[in-house]
Every structure is written in C-alpha cells, then in structure tokens.
Amino acid sequence: MKKLMVLSILLMISGLAIMAQAPPTPPVNANEGGGGPVGGGGAPIGSGIVLLIALAAGYGGKKIFDVKKKLAE
C-alpha cells in the first residue's frame, strides 16, 4: 500500500513538471502574417482517426466474439 502511495505521488509530481515547460518560440515573421500558427500546427489527424476507429471496431468485435463463445458453452 505504501509503495502504491509513493508511486502515485511521483506520477503526480512528474505530471506537473511536464506542464511547466516554456511555450514554443513564435515564427520569425509572425507580424507579417506568414509562417503559420505558433508551435508549427498542421498535425495530420485524419490517419489517427482512422486508426482509432479500426482499433475500436476490433475491440468491439472481440467482445462480441467472447460473448457468443460464452453463450455457446
């Protein structure tokens, strides 16, 4: 129990340290309107959504398979 408490405290402290990072530097020509958004931006999320849907469908299919297998026994 004591190990679990120490581990959870360490995880909370490490989470605070991650959030304490400095913001990214702005682009060189930020006042001119060029260079895109601060921080880079433009992250491709389309393939991530497809991957998430595929994993969810696989997980749901496995759950259905397990339920049908249990009912057959």
N, C-alpha and C. Protein backbone atom coordinates (compact mmCIF):
# COMPACT_ATOMS: atom_id res chain seq x y z
N MET A 1 0.83 -1.19 0.00
CA MET A 1 0.00 0.00 0.00
C MET A 1 0.87 1.25 0.00
N LYS A 2 1.97 1.18 0.78
CA LYS A 2 2.85 2.33 0.87
C LYS A 2 3.56 2.58 -0.46
N LYS A 3 3.91 1.49 -1.17
CA LYS A 3 4.56 1.63 -2.47
C LYS A 3 3.62 2.28 -3.48
N LEU A 4 2.35 1.90 -3.42
CA LEU A 4 1.35 2.46 -4.33
C LEU A 4 1.19 3.96 -4.09
N MET A 5 1.18 4.37 -2.83
CA MET A 5 1.03 5.78 -2.50
C MET A 5 2.24 6.58 -2.98
N VAL A 6 3.44 6.05 -2.78
CA VAL A 6 4.65 6.74 -3.23
C VAL A 6 4.66 6.84 -4.75
N LEU A 7 4.28 5.77 -5.43
CA LEU A 7 4.25 5.77 -6.88
C LEU A 7 3.25 6.79 -7.41
N SER A 8 2.07 6.86 -6.81
CA SER A 8 1.07 7.82 -7.28
C SER A 8 1.53 9.26 -7.04
N ILE A 9 2.20 9.52 -5.94
CA ILE A 9 2.72 10.87 -5.68
C ILE A 9 3.78 11.23 -6.70
N LEU A 10 4.67 10.30 -7.02
CA LEU A 10 5.70 10.56 -8.02
C LEU A 10 5.10 10.83 -9.39
N LEU A 11 4.06 10.09 -9.75
CA LEU A 11 3.42 10.31 -11.04
C LEU A 11 2.74 11.67 -11.11
N MET A 12 2.14 12.11 -10.01
CA MET A 12 1.51 13.43 -9.99
C MET A 12 2.55 14.53 -10.11
N ILE A 13 3.67 14.38 -9.42
CA ILE A 13 4.72 15.40 -9.49
C ILE A 13 5.31 15.46 -10.89
N SER A 14 5.51 14.31 -11.53
CA SER A 14 6.08 14.31 -12.88
C SER A 14 5.10 14.96 -13.86
N GLY A 15 3.81 14.79 -13.64
CA GLY A 15 2.82 15.43 -14.50
C GLY A 15 2.87 16.95 -14.38
N LEU A 16 3.11 17.45 -13.19
CA LEU A 16 3.24 18.89 -13.01
C LEU A 16 4.49 19.42 -13.67
N ALA A 17 5.57 18.65 -13.65
CA ALA A 17 6.82 19.09 -14.27
C ALA A 17 6.66 19.17 -15.79
N ILE A 18 5.89 18.28 -16.37
CA ILE A 18 5.68 18.31 -17.82
C ILE A 18 4.88 19.54 -18.22
N MET A 19 3.91 19.92 -17.42
CA MET A 19 3.08 21.08 -17.74
C MET A 19 3.83 22.40 -17.54
N ALA A 20 4.99 22.38 -16.89
CA ALA A 20 5.71 23.61 -16.58
C ALA A 20 6.70 23.99 -17.66
N GLN A 21 6.59 23.43 -18.85
CA GLN A 21 7.52 23.75 -19.92
C GLN A 21 7.18 25.10 -20.54
N ALA A 22 8.20 25.75 -21.09
CA ALA A 22 8.02 27.05 -21.71
C ALA A 22 7.28 26.90 -23.04
N PRO A 23 6.52 27.92 -23.46
CA PRO A 23 5.82 27.85 -24.74
C PRO A 23 6.83 27.90 -25.89
N PRO A 24 6.44 27.45 -27.07
CA PRO A 24 7.36 27.47 -28.21
C PRO A 24 7.62 28.90 -28.68
N THR A 25 8.75 29.09 -29.34
CA THR A 25 9.09 30.42 -29.84
C THR A 25 8.21 30.75 -31.05
N PRO A 26 7.81 32.00 -31.21
CA PRO A 26 6.98 32.37 -32.35
C PRO A 26 7.80 32.37 -33.64
N PRO A 27 7.13 32.29 -34.79
CA PRO A 27 7.85 32.33 -36.06
C PRO A 27 8.55 33.68 -36.26
N VAL A 28 9.53 33.71 -37.12
CA VAL A 28 10.30 34.92 -37.35
C VAL A 28 9.43 36.04 -37.89
N ASN A 29 8.57 35.75 -38.82
CA ASN A 29 7.75 36.78 -39.45
C ASN A 29 6.31 36.72 -38.95
N ALA A 30 6.10 36.61 -37.66
CA ALA A 30 4.75 36.50 -37.10
C ALA A 30 3.93 37.77 -37.32
N ASN A 31 4.59 38.93 -37.33
CA ASN A 31 3.85 40.19 -37.50
C ASN A 31 3.38 40.38 -38.94
N GLU A 32 4.02 39.72 -39.87
CA GLU A 32 3.64 39.85 -41.27
C GLU A 32 2.51 38.90 -41.66
N GLY A 33 2.13 38.01 -40.78
CA GLY A 33 1.04 37.10 -41.05
C GLY A 33 1.48 35.81 -41.71
N GLY A 34 2.74 35.61 -41.92
CA GLY A 34 3.22 34.40 -42.57
C GLY A 34 3.78 33.41 -41.56
N GLY A 35 4.16 32.26 -42.05
CA GLY A 35 4.82 31.29 -41.19
C GLY A 35 3.89 30.33 -40.49
N GLY A 36 2.62 30.46 -40.62
CA GLY A 36 1.70 29.52 -39.99
C GLY A 36 1.49 29.81 -38.51
N PRO A 37 0.76 28.96 -37.85
CA PRO A 37 0.45 29.18 -36.44
C PRO A 37 1.67 28.97 -35.55
N VAL A 38 1.63 29.56 -34.37
CA VAL A 38 2.71 29.40 -33.41
C VAL A 38 2.74 27.95 -32.96
N GLY A 39 3.91 27.36 -32.93
CA GLY A 39 4.04 25.97 -32.50
C GLY A 39 4.06 24.99 -33.65
N GLY A 40 3.96 25.45 -34.86
CA GLY A 40 4.04 24.57 -36.01
C GLY A 40 2.68 24.25 -36.60
N GLY A 41 1.82 23.65 -35.82
CA GLY A 41 0.48 23.32 -36.30
C GLY A 41 0.51 22.36 -37.48
N GLY A 42 -0.59 22.17 -38.10
CA GLY A 42 -0.68 21.33 -39.28
C GLY A 42 -0.49 19.85 -38.99
N ALA A 43 -0.85 19.39 -37.81
CA ALA A 43 -0.69 17.97 -37.47
C ALA A 43 -1.74 17.15 -38.22
N PRO A 44 -1.31 16.07 -38.90
CA PRO A 44 -2.27 15.24 -39.62
C PRO A 44 -3.10 14.39 -38.65
N ILE A 45 -4.39 14.66 -38.54
CA ILE A 45 -5.22 13.88 -37.62
C ILE A 45 -6.11 12.88 -38.35
N GLY A 46 -6.15 12.95 -39.67
CA GLY A 46 -7.01 12.06 -40.44
C GLY A 46 -6.64 10.61 -40.25
N SER A 47 -5.36 10.27 -40.36
CA SER A 47 -4.94 8.88 -40.22
C SER A 47 -5.08 8.40 -38.78
N GLY A 48 -4.97 9.30 -37.83
CA GLY A 48 -5.15 8.93 -36.43
C GLY A 48 -6.59 8.55 -36.13
N ILE A 49 -7.52 9.26 -36.74
CA ILE A 49 -8.93 8.95 -36.55
C ILE A 49 -9.26 7.59 -37.16
N VAL A 50 -8.71 7.31 -38.33
CA VAL A 50 -8.94 6.02 -38.97
C VAL A 50 -8.39 4.90 -38.09
N LEU A 51 -7.20 5.10 -37.55
CA LEU A 51 -6.60 4.11 -36.66
C LEU A 51 -7.46 3.90 -35.41
N LEU A 52 -7.96 4.98 -34.83
CA LEU A 52 -8.80 4.88 -33.64
C LEU A 52 -10.09 4.11 -33.93
N ILE A 53 -10.71 4.37 -35.07
CA ILE A 53 -11.94 3.67 -35.44
C ILE A 53 -11.66 2.19 -35.68
N ALA A 54 -10.53 1.88 -36.33
CA ALA A 54 -10.17 0.49 -36.59
C ALA A 54 -9.92 -0.27 -35.29
N LEU A 55 -9.22 0.35 -34.36
CA LEU A 55 -8.97 -0.31 -33.08
C LEU A 55 -10.26 -0.50 -32.29
N ALA A 56 -11.15 0.48 -32.32
CA ALA A 56 -12.42 0.37 -31.62
C ALA A 56 -13.27 -0.74 -32.23
N ALA A 57 -13.27 -0.85 -33.56
CA ALA A 57 -14.04 -1.92 -34.21
C ALA A 57 -13.46 -3.28 -33.87
N GLY A 58 -12.15 -3.39 -33.84
CA GLY A 58 -11.51 -4.66 -33.46
C GLY A 58 -11.83 -5.05 -32.03
N TYR A 59 -11.79 -4.08 -31.13
CA TYR A 59 -12.11 -4.35 -29.72
C TYR A 59 -13.57 -4.76 -29.57
N GLY A 60 -14.46 -4.07 -30.25
CA GLY A 60 -15.88 -4.42 -30.19
C GLY A 60 -16.14 -5.79 -30.77
N GLY A 61 -15.45 -6.12 -31.87
CA GLY A 61 -15.60 -7.45 -32.47
C GLY A 61 -15.12 -8.56 -31.53
N LYS A 62 -14.04 -8.30 -30.83
CA LYS A 62 -13.53 -9.29 -29.88
C LYS A 62 -14.52 -9.49 -28.73
N LYS A 63 -15.09 -8.40 -28.23
CA LYS A 63 -16.06 -8.51 -27.15
C LYS A 63 -17.28 -9.31 -27.60
N ILE A 64 -17.77 -9.06 -28.80
CA ILE A 64 -18.92 -9.81 -29.33
C ILE A 64 -18.57 -11.29 -29.48
N PHE A 65 -17.38 -11.57 -30.00
CA PHE A 65 -16.92 -12.94 -30.15
C PHE A 65 -16.86 -13.66 -28.81
N ASP A 66 -16.33 -12.97 -27.78
CA ASP A 66 -16.23 -13.58 -26.45
C ASP A 66 -17.61 -13.88 -25.86
N VAL A 67 -18.57 -12.96 -26.07
CA VAL A 67 -19.91 -13.17 -25.54
C VAL A 67 -20.59 -14.35 -26.24
N LYS A 68 -20.45 -14.42 -27.57
CA LYS A 68 -21.05 -15.54 -28.31
C LYS A 68 -20.42 -16.87 -27.93
N LYS A 69 -19.11 -16.85 -27.69
CA LYS A 69 -18.40 -18.06 -27.28
C LYS A 69 -18.87 -18.52 -25.90
N LYS A 70 -19.07 -17.56 -25.01
CA LYS A 70 -19.54 -17.90 -23.66
C LYS A 70 -20.96 -18.43 -23.68
N LEU A 71 -21.83 -17.88 -24.54
CA LEU A 71 -23.21 -18.37 -24.64
C LEU A 71 -23.27 -19.76 -25.25
N ALA A 72 -22.33 -20.10 -26.11
CA ALA A 72 -22.32 -21.40 -26.76
C ALA A 72 -21.92 -22.52 -25.79
N GLU A 73 -21.20 -22.17 -24.75
CA GLU A 73 -20.74 -23.20 -23.78
C GLU A 73 -21.84 -23.70 -22.91
